[in-house]
């Protein structure tokens, strides 16, 4: 996949931890985003542990940035168009103390479905 966009309500260390926009993103088997792509299902981590942080971050430097940012909850939702996963919407919660929940998964899935159709149509 190629990283297409990064945005944050409050730019900070977490925005520096993501894959650089425009560059190819490489996901090994240990990353949670890989599981999302392979299964085509959302991955919800209500409370991020050190072990899960390794599966979220692209490398140790990014993990340190995510800790600095206060990452505590994570959500990855597949962008699926015509039955094919064409990307992933990754959401990280840092300053808002409420962890992602099932309602957030439903909302993110709806946004991801709409974005996937738009991306597919643009391709």
PDB file of N, CA and C in Angstrom:
ATOM      1  N   UNK A   1       0.835  -1.179   0.000  1.00  0.00           N
ATOM      2  CA  UNK A   1       0.000   0.000   0.000  1.00  0.00           C
ATOM      3  C   UNK A   1       0.882   1.246   0.000  1.00  0.00           C
ATOM      4  N   UNK A   2       0.308   2.344  -0.426  1.00  0.00           N
ATOM      5  CA  UNK A   2       0.982   3.635  -0.382  1.00  0.00           C
ATOM      6  C   UNK A   2       0.222   4.501   0.614  1.00  0.00           C
ATOM      7  N   UNK A   3       0.956   5.138   1.528  1.00  0.00           N
ATOM      8  CA  UNK A   3       0.330   6.031   2.492  1.00  0.00           C
ATOM      9  C   UNK A   3      -0.238   7.227   1.731  1.00  0.00           C
ATOM     10  N   UNK A   4      -1.545   7.482   1.902  1.00  0.00           N
ATOM     11  CA  UNK A   4      -2.204   8.537   1.136  1.00  0.00           C
ATOM     12  C   UNK A   4      -2.448   9.815   1.920  1.00  0.00           C
ATOM     13  N   UNK A   5      -2.729   9.705   3.199  1.00  0.00           N
ATOM     14  CA  UNK A   5      -3.077  10.902   3.953  1.00  0.00           C
ATOM     15  C   UNK A   5      -2.835  10.680   5.437  1.00  0.00           C
ATOM     16  N   UNK A   6      -2.508  11.773   6.115  1.00  0.00           N
ATOM     17  CA  UNK A   6      -2.361  11.770   7.567  1.00  0.00           C
ATOM     18  C   UNK A   6      -2.966  13.066   8.066  1.00  0.00           C
ATOM     19  N   UNK A   7      -3.798  12.955   9.078  1.00  0.00           N
ATOM     20  CA  UNK A   7      -4.356  14.155   9.701  1.00  0.00           C
ATOM     21  C   UNK A   7      -4.547  13.888  11.187  1.00  0.00           C
ATOM     22  N   UNK A   8      -4.575  14.959  11.962  1.00  0.00           N
ATOM     23  CA  UNK A   8      -4.749  14.817  13.406  1.00  0.00           C
ATOM     24  C   UNK A   8      -5.487  16.028  13.938  1.00  0.00           C
ATOM     25  N   UNK A   9      -6.298  15.796  14.964  1.00  0.00           N
ATOM     26  CA  UNK A   9      -6.979  16.906  15.625  1.00  0.00           C
ATOM     27  C   UNK A   9      -5.957  17.815  16.296  1.00  0.00           C
ATOM     28  N   UNK A  10      -4.913  17.200  16.842  1.00  0.00           N
ATOM     29  CA  UNK A  10      -3.819  17.938  17.481  1.00  0.00           C
ATOM     30  C   UNK A  10      -2.505  17.360  16.978  1.00  0.00           C
ATOM     31  N   UNK A  11      -1.910  17.968  15.956  1.00  0.00           N
ATOM     32  CA  UNK A  11      -0.638  17.428  15.433  1.00  0.00           C
ATOM     33  C   UNK A  11       0.408  17.336  16.544  1.00  0.00           C
ATOM     34  N   UNK A  12       1.186  16.260  16.478  1.00  0.00           N
ATOM     35  CA  UNK A  12       2.208  16.041  17.487  1.00  0.00           C
ATOM     36  C   UNK A  12       3.028  14.817  17.145  1.00  0.00           C
ATOM     37  N   UNK A  13       3.614  14.184  18.151  1.00  0.00           N
ATOM     38  CA  UNK A  13       4.478  13.035  17.906  1.00  0.00           C
ATOM     39  C   UNK A  13       3.802  11.885  17.150  1.00  0.00           C
ATOM     40  N   UNK A  14       2.511  11.670  17.386  1.00  0.00           N
ATOM     41  CA  UNK A  14       1.817  10.558  16.725  1.00  0.00           C
ATOM     42  C   UNK A  14       1.798  10.734  15.209  1.00  0.00           C
ATOM     43  N   UNK A  15       1.714  11.974  14.729  1.00  0.00           N
ATOM     44  CA  UNK A  15       1.691  12.191  13.277  1.00  0.00           C
ATOM     45  C   UNK A  15       3.054  11.916  12.654  1.00  0.00           C
ATOM     46  N   UNK A  16       4.107  11.995  13.456  1.00  0.00           N
ATOM     47  CA  UNK A  16       5.452  11.683  12.958  1.00  0.00           C
ATOM     48  C   UNK A  16       5.708  10.179  12.935  1.00  0.00           C
ATOM     49  N   UNK A  17       4.883   9.416  13.638  1.00  0.00           N
ATOM     50  CA  UNK A  17       5.090   7.975  13.763  1.00  0.00           C
ATOM     51  C   UNK A  17       4.492   7.167  12.608  1.00  0.00           C
ATOM     52  N   UNK A  18       3.621   7.788  11.824  1.00  0.00           N
ATOM     53  CA  UNK A  18       2.939   7.046  10.756  1.00  0.00           C
ATOM     54  C   UNK A  18       3.814   6.941   9.511  1.00  0.00           C
ATOM     55  N   UNK A  19       3.378   6.089   8.584  1.00  0.00           N
ATOM     56  CA  UNK A  19       4.101   5.955   7.319  1.00  0.00           C
ATOM     57  C   UNK A  19       4.060   7.281   6.575  1.00  0.00           C
ATOM     58  N   UNK A  20       5.192   7.715   6.007  1.00  0.00           N
ATOM     59  CA  UNK A  20       5.224   8.994   5.288  1.00  0.00           C
ATOM     60  C   UNK A  20       4.278   8.988   4.085  1.00  0.00           C
ATOM     61  N   UNK A  21       3.519  10.072   3.953  1.00  0.00           N
ATOM     62  CA  UNK A  21       2.562  10.199   2.853  1.00  0.00           C
ATOM     63  C   UNK A  21       3.301  10.129   1.521  1.00  0.00           C
ATOM     64  N   UNK A  22       2.727   9.349   0.602  1.00  0.00           N
ATOM     65  CA  UNK A  22       3.280   9.203  -0.735  1.00  0.00           C
ATOM     66  C   UNK A  22       4.270   8.066  -0.873  1.00  0.00           C
ATOM     67  N   UNK A  23       4.759   7.549   0.240  1.00  0.00           N
ATOM     68  CA  UNK A  23       5.723   6.452   0.186  1.00  0.00           C
ATOM     69  C   UNK A  23       5.020   5.117   0.369  1.00  0.00           C
ATOM     70  N   UNK A  24       5.667   4.063  -0.132  1.00  0.00           N
ATOM     71  CA  UNK A  24       5.123   2.729   0.056  1.00  0.00           C
ATOM     72  C   UNK A  24       5.209   2.347   1.523  1.00  0.00           C
ATOM     73  N   UNK A  25       4.135   1.779   2.034  1.00  0.00           N
ATOM     74  CA  UNK A  25       4.089   1.300   3.415  1.00  0.00           C
ATOM     75  C   UNK A  25       4.251  -0.212   3.389  1.00  0.00           C
ATOM     76  N   UNK A  26       5.173  -0.706   4.177  1.00  0.00           N
ATOM     77  CA  UNK A  26       5.426  -2.149   4.217  1.00  0.00           C
ATOM     78  C   UNK A  26       4.945  -2.692   5.561  1.00  0.00           C
ATOM     79  N   UNK A  27       4.099  -3.693   5.488  1.00  0.00           N
ATOM     80  CA  UNK A  27       3.513  -4.269   6.695  1.00  0.00           C
ATOM     81  C   UNK A  27       3.955  -5.715   6.828  1.00  0.00           C
ATOM     82  N   UNK A  28       4.740  -6.021   7.880  1.00  0.00           N
ATOM     83  CA  UNK A  28       5.114  -7.415   8.081  1.00  0.00           C
ATOM     84  C   UNK A  28       4.010  -8.135   8.846  1.00  0.00           C
ATOM     85  N   UNK A  29       4.173  -9.412   9.018  1.00  0.00           N
ATOM     86  CA  UNK A  29       3.115 -10.257   9.588  1.00  0.00           C
ATOM     87  C   UNK A  29       2.780  -9.911  11.040  1.00  0.00           C
ATOM     88  N   UNK A  30       3.681  -9.207  11.743  1.00  0.00           N
ATOM     89  CA  UNK A  30       3.441  -8.908  13.153  1.00  0.00           C
ATOM     90  C   UNK A  30       2.578  -7.667  13.365  1.00  0.00           C
ATOM     91  N   UNK A  31       2.350  -6.899  12.319  1.00  0.00           N
ATOM     92  CA  UNK A  31       1.596  -5.652  12.461  1.00  0.00           C
ATOM     93  C   UNK A  31       0.093  -5.920  12.496  1.00  0.00           C
ATOM     94  N   UNK A  32      -0.615  -5.189  13.341  1.00  0.00           N
ATOM     95  CA  UNK A  32      -2.065  -5.331  13.429  1.00  0.00           C
ATOM     96  C   UNK A  32      -2.735  -4.904  12.131  1.00  0.00           C
ATOM     97  N   UNK A  33      -2.173  -3.923  11.448  1.00  0.00           N
ATOM     98  CA  UNK A  33      -2.738  -3.484  10.175  1.00  0.00           C
ATOM     99  C   UNK A  33      -2.684  -4.626   9.154  1.00  0.00           C
ATOM    100  N   UNK A  34      -1.681  -5.474   9.237  1.00  0.00           N
ATOM    101  CA  UNK A  34      -1.586  -6.638   8.342  1.00  0.00           C
ATOM    102  C   UNK A  34      -2.747  -7.581   8.590  1.00  0.00           C
ATOM    103  N   UNK A  35      -3.067  -7.816   9.862  1.00  0.00           N
ATOM    104  CA  UNK A  35      -4.206  -8.673  10.200  1.00  0.00           C
ATOM    105  C   UNK A  35      -5.496  -8.087   9.652  1.00  0.00           C
ATOM    106  N   UNK A  36      -5.626  -6.772   9.722  1.00  0.00           N
ATOM    107  CA  UNK A  36      -6.814  -6.092   9.201  1.00  0.00           C
ATOM    108  C   UNK A  36      -6.932  -6.325   7.699  1.00  0.00           C
ATOM    109  N   UNK A  37      -5.825  -6.184   6.981  1.00  0.00           N
ATOM    110  CA  UNK A  37      -5.832  -6.373   5.521  1.00  0.00           C
ATOM    111  C   UNK A  37      -6.133  -7.826   5.168  1.00  0.00           C
ATOM    112  N   UNK A  38      -5.481  -8.749   5.846  1.00  0.00           N
ATOM    113  CA  UNK A  38      -5.637 -10.171   5.506  1.00  0.00           C
ATOM    114  C   UNK A  38      -7.014 -10.723   5.829  1.00  0.00           C
ATOM    115  N   UNK A  39      -7.613 -10.246   6.921  1.00  0.00           N
ATOM    116  CA  UNK A  39      -8.928 -10.758   7.318  1.00  0.00           C
ATOM    117  C   UNK A  39     -10.073  -9.925   6.751  1.00  0.00           C
ATOM    118  N   UNK A  40      -9.773  -8.665   6.379  1.00  0.00           N
ATOM    119  CA  UNK A  40     -10.835  -7.776   5.919  1.00  0.00           C
ATOM    120  C   UNK A  40     -11.758  -7.358   7.047  1.00  0.00           C
ATOM    121  N   UNK A  41     -11.264  -7.447   8.287  1.00  0.00           N
ATOM    122  CA  UNK A  41     -12.070  -7.106   9.460  1.00  0.00           C
ATOM    123  C   UNK A  41     -11.370  -6.041  10.290  1.00  0.00           C
ATOM    124  N   UNK A  42     -12.170  -5.261  10.992  1.00  0.00           N
ATOM    125  CA  UNK A  42     -11.633  -4.218  11.860  1.00  0.00           C
ATOM    126  C   UNK A  42     -10.846  -4.832  13.011  1.00  0.00           C
ATOM    127  N   UNK A  43      -9.823  -4.105  13.443  1.00  0.00           N
ATOM    128  CA  UNK A  43      -9.037  -4.482  14.611  1.00  0.00           C
ATOM    129  C   UNK A  43      -9.235  -3.374  15.649  1.00  0.00           C
ATOM    130  N   UNK A  44      -9.778  -3.725  16.792  1.00  0.00           N
ATOM    131  CA  UNK A  44     -10.014  -2.769  17.873  1.00  0.00           C
ATOM    132  C   UNK A  44      -9.132  -3.133  19.052  1.00  0.00           C
ATOM    133  N   UNK A  45      -8.336  -2.161  19.488  1.00  0.00           N
ATOM    134  CA  UNK A  45      -7.529  -2.317  20.704  1.00  0.00           C
ATOM    135  C   UNK A  45      -7.986  -1.210  21.651  1.00  0.00           C
ATOM    136  N   UNK A  46      -8.824  -1.596  22.604  1.00  0.00           N
ATOM    137  CA  UNK A  46      -9.380  -0.597  23.527  1.00  0.00           C
ATOM    138  C   UNK A  46      -8.280   0.027  24.387  1.00  0.00           C
ATOM    139  N   UNK A  47      -7.412  -0.777  24.939  1.00  0.00           N
ATOM    140  CA  UNK A  47      -6.309  -0.297  25.777  1.00  0.00           C
ATOM    141  C   UNK A  47      -5.004  -0.877  25.234  1.00  0.00           C
ATOM    142  N   UNK A  48      -4.170  -0.037  24.671  1.00  0.00           N
ATOM    143  CA  UNK A  48      -2.919  -0.482  24.051  1.00  0.00           C
ATOM    144  C   UNK A  48      -1.916  -0.882  25.135  1.00  0.00           C
ATOM    145  N   UNK A  49      -1.407  -2.106  25.013  1.00  0.00           N
ATOM    146  CA  UNK A  49      -0.341  -2.598  25.892  1.00  0.00           C
ATOM    147  C   UNK A  49       0.992  -2.449  25.162  1.00  0.00           C
ATOM    148  N   UNK A  50       2.080  -2.684  25.874  1.00  0.00           N
ATOM    149  CA  UNK A  50       3.406  -2.620  25.246  1.00  0.00           C
ATOM    150  C   UNK A  50       3.518  -3.626  24.102  1.00  0.00           C
ATOM    151  N   UNK A  51       2.961  -4.826  24.303  1.00  0.00           N
ATOM    152  CA  UNK A  51       3.012  -5.856  23.267  1.00  0.00           C
ATOM    153  C   UNK A  51       2.224  -5.424  22.034  1.00  0.00           C
ATOM    154  N   UNK A  52       1.055  -4.843  22.236  1.00  0.00           N
ATOM    155  CA  UNK A  52       0.253  -4.384  21.094  1.00  0.00           C
ATOM    156  C   UNK A  52       0.894  -3.181  20.415  1.00  0.00           C
ATOM    157  N   UNK A  53       1.582  -2.357  21.171  1.00  0.00           N
ATOM    158  CA  UNK A  53       2.263  -1.201  20.595  1.00  0.00           C
ATOM    159  C   UNK A  53       3.272  -1.642  19.543  1.00  0.00           C
ATOM    160  N   UNK A  54       3.952  -2.738  19.782  1.00  0.00           N
ATOM    161  CA  UNK A  54       4.905  -3.276  18.805  1.00  0.00           C
ATOM    162  C   UNK A  54       4.176  -3.654  17.521  1.00  0.00           C
ATOM    163  N   UNK A  55       2.947  -4.129  17.619  1.00  0.00           N
ATOM    164  CA  UNK A  55       2.161  -4.496  16.451  1.00  0.00           C
ATOM    165  C   UNK A  55       1.511  -3.315  15.754  1.00  0.00           C
ATOM    166  N   UNK A  56       1.468  -2.176  16.421  1.00  0.00           N
ATOM    167  CA  UNK A  56       0.881  -0.969  15.838  1.00  0.00           C
ATOM    168  C   UNK A  56       1.939  -0.122  15.147  1.00  0.00           C
ATOM    169  N   UNK A  57       3.070   0.071  15.812  1.00  0.00           N
ATOM    170  CA  UNK A  57       4.124   0.954  15.308  1.00  0.00           C
ATOM    171  C   UNK A  57       4.897   0.303  14.159  1.00  0.00           C
ATOM    172  N   UNK A  58       5.367   1.149  13.227  1.00  0.00           N
ATOM    173  CA  UNK A  58       6.110   0.624  12.080  1.00  0.00           C
ATOM    174  C   UNK A  58       7.544   0.279  12.418  1.00  0.00           C
ATOM    175  N   UNK A  59       8.075   0.836  13.515  1.00  0.00           N
ATOM    176  CA  UNK A  59       9.436   0.530  13.948  1.00  0.00           C
ATOM    177  C   UNK A  59       9.595   1.027  15.396  1.00  0.00           C
ATOM    178  N   UNK A  60      10.720   0.717  16.044  1.00  0.00           N
ATOM    179  CA  UNK A  60      10.899   1.147  17.439  1.00  0.00           C
ATOM    180  C   UNK A  60      10.854   2.668  17.629  1.00  0.00           C
ATOM    181  N   UNK A  61      11.363   3.414  16.675  1.00  0.00           N
ATOM    182  CA  UNK A  61      11.335   4.873  16.777  1.00  0.00           C
ATOM    183  C   UNK A  61       9.881   5.379  16.769  1.00  0.00           C
ATOM    184  N   UNK A  62       9.058   4.799  15.894  1.00  0.00           N
ATOM    185  CA  UNK A  62       7.647   5.175  15.834  1.00  0.00           C
ATOM    186  C   UNK A  62       6.936   4.786  17.128  1.00  0.00           C
ATOM    187  N   UNK A  63       7.297   3.644  17.702  1.00  0.00           N
ATOM    188  CA  UNK A  63       6.702   3.219  18.970  1.00  0.00           C
ATOM    189  C   UNK A  63       7.010   4.237  20.068  1.00  0.00           C
ATOM    190  N   UNK A  64       8.243   4.732  20.105  1.00  0.00           N
ATOM    191  CA  UNK A  64       8.620   5.735  21.104  1.00  0.00           C
ATOM    192  C   UNK A  64       7.810   7.021  20.910  1.00  0.00           C
ATOM    193  N   UNK A  65       7.591   7.415  19.654  1.00  0.00           N
ATOM    194  CA  UNK A  65       6.785   8.602  19.378  1.00  0.00           C
ATOM    195  C   UNK A  65       5.337   8.413  19.821  1.00  0.00           C
ATOM    196  N   UNK A  66       4.806   7.207  19.612  1.00  0.00           N
ATOM    197  CA  UNK A  66       3.429   6.929  20.023  1.00  0.00           C
ATOM    198  C   UNK A  66       3.285   6.944  21.543  1.00  0.00           C
ATOM    199  N   UNK A  67       4.296   6.439  22.244  1.00  0.00           N
ATOM    200  CA  UNK A  67       4.284   6.504  23.711  1.00  0.00           C
ATOM    201  C   UNK A  67       4.331   7.955  24.154  1.00  0.00           C
ATOM    202  N   UNK A  68       5.204   8.744  23.522  1.00  0.00           N
ATOM    203  CA  UNK A  68       5.311  10.171  23.849  1.00  0.00           C
ATOM    204  C   UNK A  68       3.982  10.896  23.619  1.00  0.00           C
ATOM    205  N   UNK A  69       3.280  10.501  22.563  1.00  0.00           N
ATOM    206  CA  UNK A  69       1.992  11.123  22.238  1.00  0.00           C
ATOM    207  C   UNK A  69       0.885  10.695  23.187  1.00  0.00           C
ATOM    208  N   UNK A  70       1.090   9.597  23.901  1.00  0.00           N
ATOM    209  CA  UNK A  70       0.072   9.114  24.831  1.00  0.00           C
ATOM    210  C   UNK A  70      -0.938   8.168  24.192  1.00  0.00           C
ATOM    211  N   UNK A  71      -0.532   7.463  23.140  1.00  0.00           N
ATOM    212  CA  UNK A  71      -1.444   6.515  22.487  1.00  0.00           C
ATOM    213  C   UNK A  71      -1.959   5.506  23.503  1.00  0.00           C
ATOM    214  N   UNK A  72      -3.287   5.374  23.570  1.00  0.00           N
ATOM    215  CA  UNK A  72      -3.866   4.416  24.516  1.00  0.00           C
ATOM    216  C   UNK A  72      -4.957   3.554  23.885  1.00  0.00           C
ATOM    217  N   UNK A  73      -5.440   3.921  22.693  1.00  0.00           N
ATOM    218  CA  UNK A  73      -6.482   3.133  22.035  1.00  0.00           C
ATOM    219  C   UNK A  73      -6.264   3.208  20.533  1.00  0.00           C
ATOM    220  N   UNK A  74      -6.558   2.103  19.819  1.00  0.00           N
ATOM    221  CA  UNK A  74      -6.231   1.993  18.398  1.00  0.00           C
ATOM    222  C   UNK A  74      -7.359   1.272  17.664  1.00  0.00           C
ATOM    223  N   UNK A  75      -7.591   1.709  16.437  1.00  0.00           N
ATOM    224  CA  UNK A  75      -8.621   1.096  15.599  1.00  0.00           C
ATOM    225  C   UNK A  75      -8.133   1.086  14.155  1.00  0.00           C
ATOM    226  N   UNK A  76      -8.175  -0.069  13.526  1.00  0.00           N
ATOM    227  CA  UNK A  76      -7.837  -0.197  12.106  1.00  0.00           C
ATOM    228  C   UNK A  76      -9.047  -0.802  11.403  1.00  0.00           C
ATOM    229  N   UNK A  77      -9.465  -0.158  10.311  1.00  0.00           N
ATOM    230  CA  UNK A  77     -10.650  -0.598   9.575  1.00  0.00           C
ATOM    231  C   UNK A  77     -10.272  -0.743   8.103  1.00  0.00           C
ATOM    232  N   UNK A  78     -10.628  -1.867   7.483  1.00  0.00           N
ATOM    233  CA  UNK A  78     -10.263  -2.045   6.084  1.00  0.00           C
ATOM    234  C   UNK A  78     -11.065  -1.149   5.147  1.00  0.00           C
ATOM    235  N   UNK A  79     -10.390  -0.677   4.112  1.00  0.00           N
ATOM    236  CA  UNK A  79     -11.055   0.039   3.022  1.00  0.00           C
ATOM    237  C   UNK A  79     -11.333  -1.024   1.957  1.00  0.00           C
ATOM    238  N   UNK A  80     -12.588  -1.409   1.829  1.00  0.00           N
ATOM    239  CA  UNK A  80     -12.963  -2.498   0.939  1.00  0.00           C
ATOM    240  C   UNK A  80     -13.851  -1.982  -0.182  1.00  0.00           C
ATOM    241  N   UNK A  81     -13.436  -2.271  -1.424  1.00  0.00           N
ATOM    242  CA  UNK A  81     -14.220  -1.890  -2.596  1.00  0.00           C
ATOM    243  C   UNK A  81     -14.288  -3.082  -3.534  1.00  0.00           C
ATOM    244  N   UNK A  82     -15.497  -3.394  -3.987  1.00  0.00           N
ATOM    245  CA  UNK A  82     -15.722  -4.532  -4.881  1.00  0.00           C
ATOM    246  C   UNK A  82     -15.146  -5.835  -4.323  1.00  0.00           C
ATOM    247  N   UNK A  83     -15.267  -5.995  -3.005  1.00  0.00           N
ATOM    248  CA  UNK A  83     -14.816  -7.215  -2.352  1.00  0.00           C
ATOM    249  C   UNK A  83     -13.317  -7.319  -2.155  1.00  0.00           C
ATOM    250  N   UNK A  84     -12.576  -6.265  -2.441  1.00  0.00           N
ATOM    251  CA  UNK A  84     -11.122  -6.279  -2.322  1.00  0.00           C
ATOM    252  C   UNK A  84     -10.675  -5.207  -1.324  1.00  0.00           C
ATOM    253  N   UNK A  85      -9.769  -5.576  -0.422  1.00  0.00           N
ATOM    254  CA  UNK A  85      -9.217  -4.604   0.520  1.00  0.00           C
ATOM    255  C   UNK A  85      -8.187  -3.769  -0.240  1.00  0.00           C
ATOM    256  N   UNK A  86      -8.464  -2.466  -0.332  1.00  0.00           N
ATOM    257  CA  UNK A  86      -7.565  -1.576  -1.076  1.00  0.00           C
ATOM    258  C   UNK A  86      -6.753  -0.667  -0.147  1.00  0.00           C
ATOM    259  N   UNK A  87      -6.969  -0.801   1.142  1.00  0.00           N
ATOM    260  CA  UNK A  87      -6.239   0.003   2.108  1.00  0.00           C
ATOM    261  C   UNK A  87      -6.808  -0.158   3.492  1.00  0.00           C
ATOM    262  N   UNK A  88      -6.334   0.687   4.397  1.00  0.00           N
ATOM    263  CA  UNK A  88      -6.766   0.629   5.788  1.00  0.00           C
ATOM    264  C   UNK A  88      -6.893   2.049   6.330  1.00  0.00           C
ATOM    265  N   UNK A  89      -7.946   2.277   7.097  1.00  0.00           N
ATOM    266  CA  UNK A  89      -8.112   3.501   7.863  1.00  0.00           C
ATOM    267  C   UNK A  89      -7.620   3.194   9.266  1.00  0.00           C
ATOM    268  N   UNK A  90      -6.549   3.863   9.683  1.00  0.00           N
ATOM    269  CA  UNK A  90      -5.990   3.652  11.011  1.00  0.00           C
ATOM    270  C   UNK A  90      -6.283   4.840  11.902  1.00  0.00           C
ATOM    271  N   UNK A  91      -6.848   4.584  13.065  1.00  0.00           N
ATOM    272  CA  UNK A  91      -7.210   5.642  14.006  1.00  0.00           C
ATOM    273  C   UNK A  91      -6.494   5.401  15.330  1.00  0.00           C
ATOM    274  N   UNK A  92      -5.943   6.484  15.877  1.00  0.00           N
ATOM    275  CA  UNK A  92      -5.223   6.392  17.136  1.00  0.00           C
ATOM    276  C   UNK A  92      -5.780   7.429  18.096  1.00  0.00           C
ATOM    277  N   UNK A  93      -6.017   7.018  19.311  1.00  0.00           N
ATOM    278  CA  UNK A  93      -6.538   7.955  20.306  1.00  0.00           C
ATOM    279  C   UNK A  93      -5.426   8.255  21.313  1.00  0.00           C
ATOM    280  N   UNK A  94      -5.157   9.564  21.486  1.00  0.00           N
ATOM    281  CA  UNK A  94      -4.099   9.982  22.399  1.00  0.00           C
ATOM    282  C   UNK A  94      -4.640  10.887  23.504  1.00  0.00           C
ATOM    283  N   UNK A  95      -5.110  12.073  23.176  1.00  0.00           N
ATOM    284  CA  UNK A  95      -5.506  13.023  24.219  1.00  0.00           C
ATOM    285  C   UNK A  95      -6.910  12.774  24.765  1.00  0.00           C
ATOM    286  N   UNK A  96      -7.815  12.266  23.953  1.00  0.00           N
ATOM    287  CA  UNK A  96      -9.151  11.925  24.437  1.00  0.00           C
ATOM    288  C   UNK A  96      -9.014  10.669  25.301  1.00  0.00           C
ATOM    289  N   UNK A  97      -9.389  10.732  26.583  1.00  0.00           N
ATOM    290  CA  UNK A  97      -9.164   9.585  27.475  1.00  0.00           C
ATOM    291  C   UNK A  97     -10.096   8.394  27.245  1.00  0.00           C
ATOM    292  N   UNK A  98     -11.166   8.589  26.492  1.00  0.00           N
ATOM    293  CA  UNK A  98     -12.119   7.506  26.257  1.00  0.00           C
ATOM    294  C   UNK A  98     -11.572   6.547  25.195  1.00  0.00           C
ATOM    295  N   UNK A  99     -11.514   5.252  25.490  1.00  0.00           N
ATOM    296  CA  UNK A  99     -11.031   4.302  24.475  1.00  0.00           C
ATOM    297  C   UNK A  99     -12.062   4.121  23.354  1.00  0.00           C
ATOM    298  N   UNK A 100     -11.578   3.715  22.187  1.00  0.00           N
ATOM    299  CA  UNK A 100     -12.497   3.370  21.108  1.00  0.00           C
ATOM    300  C   UNK A 100     -13.388   2.229  21.581  1.00  0.00           C
ATOM    301  N   UNK A 101     -14.643   2.203  21.073  1.00  0.00           N
ATOM    302  CA  UNK A 101     -15.574   1.139  21.431  1.00  0.00           C
ATOM    303  C   UNK A 101     -16.298   0.645  20.178  1.00  0.00           C
ATOM    304  N   UNK A 102     -17.280  -0.209  20.389  1.00  0.00           N
ATOM    305  CA  UNK A 102     -18.017  -0.815  19.275  1.00  0.00           C
ATOM    306  C   UNK A 102     -18.703   0.241  18.400  1.00  0.00           C
ATOM    307  N   UNK A 103     -19.249   1.282  19.009  1.00  0.00           N
ATOM    308  CA  UNK A 103     -19.883   2.351  18.229  1.00  0.00           C
ATOM    309  C   UNK A 103     -18.866   3.048  17.321  1.00  0.00           C
ATOM    310  N   UNK A 104     -17.649   3.227  17.819  1.00  0.00           N
ATOM    311  CA  UNK A 104     -16.594   3.824  16.996  1.00  0.00           C
ATOM    312  C   UNK A 104     -16.245   2.915  15.817  1.00  0.00           C
ATOM    313  N   UNK A 105     -16.251   1.616  16.055  1.00  0.00           N
ATOM    314  CA  UNK A 105     -15.982   0.655  14.970  1.00  0.00           C
ATOM    315  C   UNK A 105     -17.045   0.799  13.884  1.00  0.00           C
ATOM    316  N   UNK A 106     -18.314   0.891  14.283  1.00  0.00           N
ATOM    317  CA  UNK A 106     -19.403   1.033  13.306  1.00  0.00           C
ATOM    318  C   UNK A 106     -19.272   2.317  12.495  1.00  0.00           C
ATOM    319  N   UNK A 107     -18.981   3.422  13.166  1.00  0.00           N
ATOM    320  CA  UNK A 107     -18.818   4.700  12.477  1.00  0.00           C
ATOM    321  C   UNK A 107     -17.610   4.672  11.545  1.00  0.00           C
ATOM    322  N   UNK A 108     -16.484   4.167  12.032  1.00  0.00           N
ATOM    323  CA  UNK A 108     -15.278   4.092  11.208  1.00  0.00           C
ATOM    324  C   UNK A 108     -15.494   3.176  10.002  1.00  0.00           C
ATOM    325  N   UNK A 109     -16.234   2.080  10.190  1.00  0.00           N
ATOM    326  CA  UNK A 109     -16.512   1.168   9.079  1.00  0.00           C
ATOM    327  C   UNK A 109     -17.339   1.856   8.004  1.00  0.00           C
ATOM    328  N   UNK A 110     -18.298   2.668   8.417  1.00  0.00           N
ATOM    329  CA  UNK A 110     -19.114   3.405   7.446  1.00  0.00           C
ATOM    330  C   UNK A 110     -18.261   4.427   6.693  1.00  0.00           C
ATOM    331  N   UNK A 111     -17.437   5.155   7.409  1.00  0.00           N
ATOM    332  CA  UNK A 111     -16.540   6.120   6.753  1.00  0.00           C
ATOM    333  C   UNK A 111     -15.568   5.415   5.803  1.00  0.00           C
ATOM    334  N   UNK A 112     -15.023   4.289   6.250  1.00  0.00           N
ATOM    335  CA  UNK A 112     -14.079   3.537   5.421  1.00  0.00           C
ATOM    336  C   UNK A 112     -14.754   3.003   4.163  1.00  0.00           C
ATOM    337  N   UNK A 113     -15.984   2.535   4.285  1.00  0.00           N
ATOM    338  CA  UNK A 113     -16.706   2.016   3.113  1.00  0.00           C
ATOM    339  C   UNK A 113     -16.921   3.121   2.082  1.00  0.00           C
ATOM    340  N   UNK A 114     -17.316   4.282   2.556  1.00  0.00           N
ATOM    341  CA  UNK A 114     -17.539   5.416   1.634  1.00  0.00           C
ATOM    342  C   UNK A 114     -16.225   5.869   1.000  1.00  0.00           C
ATOM    343  N   UNK A 115     -15.173   5.938   1.810  1.00  0.00           N
ATOM    344  CA  UNK A 115     -13.876   6.339   1.260  1.00  0.00           C
ATOM    345  C   UNK A 115     -13.368   5.331   0.248  1.00  0.00           C
ATOM    346  N   UNK A 116     -13.557   4.052   0.522  1.00  0.00           N
ATOM    347  CA  UNK A 116     -13.089   3.013  -0.398  1.00  0.00           C
ATOM    348  C   UNK A 116     -13.771   3.129  -1.752  1.00  0.00           C
ATOM    349  N   UNK A 117     -15.071   3.389  -1.758  1.00  0.00           N
ATOM    350  CA  UNK A 117     -15.809   3.562  -3.025  1.00  0.00           C
ATOM    351  C   UNK A 117     -15.255   4.763  -3.785  1.00  0.00           C
ATOM    352  N   UNK A 118     -15.016   5.870  -3.077  1.00  0.00           N
ATOM    353  CA  UNK A 118     -14.484   7.071  -3.731  1.00  0.00           C
ATOM    354  C   UNK A 118     -13.076   6.813  -4.289  1.00  0.00           C
ATOM    355  N   UNK A 119     -12.235   6.153  -3.520  1.00  0.00           N
ATOM    356  CA  UNK A 119     -10.881   5.835  -3.998  1.00  0.00           C
ATOM    357  C   UNK A 119     -10.951   4.913  -5.205  1.00  0.00           C
ATOM    358  N   UNK A 120     -11.798   3.901  -5.122  1.00  0.00           N
ATOM    359  CA  UNK A 120     -11.931   2.952  -6.238  1.00  0.00           C
ATOM    360  C   UNK A 120     -12.438   3.665  -7.499  1.00  0.00           C
ATOM    361  N   UNK A 121     -13.399   4.542  -7.333  1.00  0.00           N
ATOM    362  CA  UNK A 121     -13.923   5.292  -8.493  1.00  0.00           C
ATOM    363  C   UNK A 121     -12.839   6.196  -9.087  1.00  0.00           C
ATOM    364  N   UNK A 122     -12.021   6.782  -8.230  1.00  0.00           N
ATOM    365  CA  UNK A 122     -10.946   7.659  -8.717  1.00  0.00           C
ATOM    366  C   UNK A 122      -9.879   6.860  -9.461  1.00  0.00           C
ATOM    367  N   UNK A 123      -9.668   5.606  -9.053  1.00  0.00           N
ATOM    368  CA  UNK A 123      -8.672   4.783  -9.740  1.00  0.00           C
ATOM    369  C   UNK A 123      -9.173   4.431 -11.120  1.00  0.00           C
TER     370      UNK A 123
END
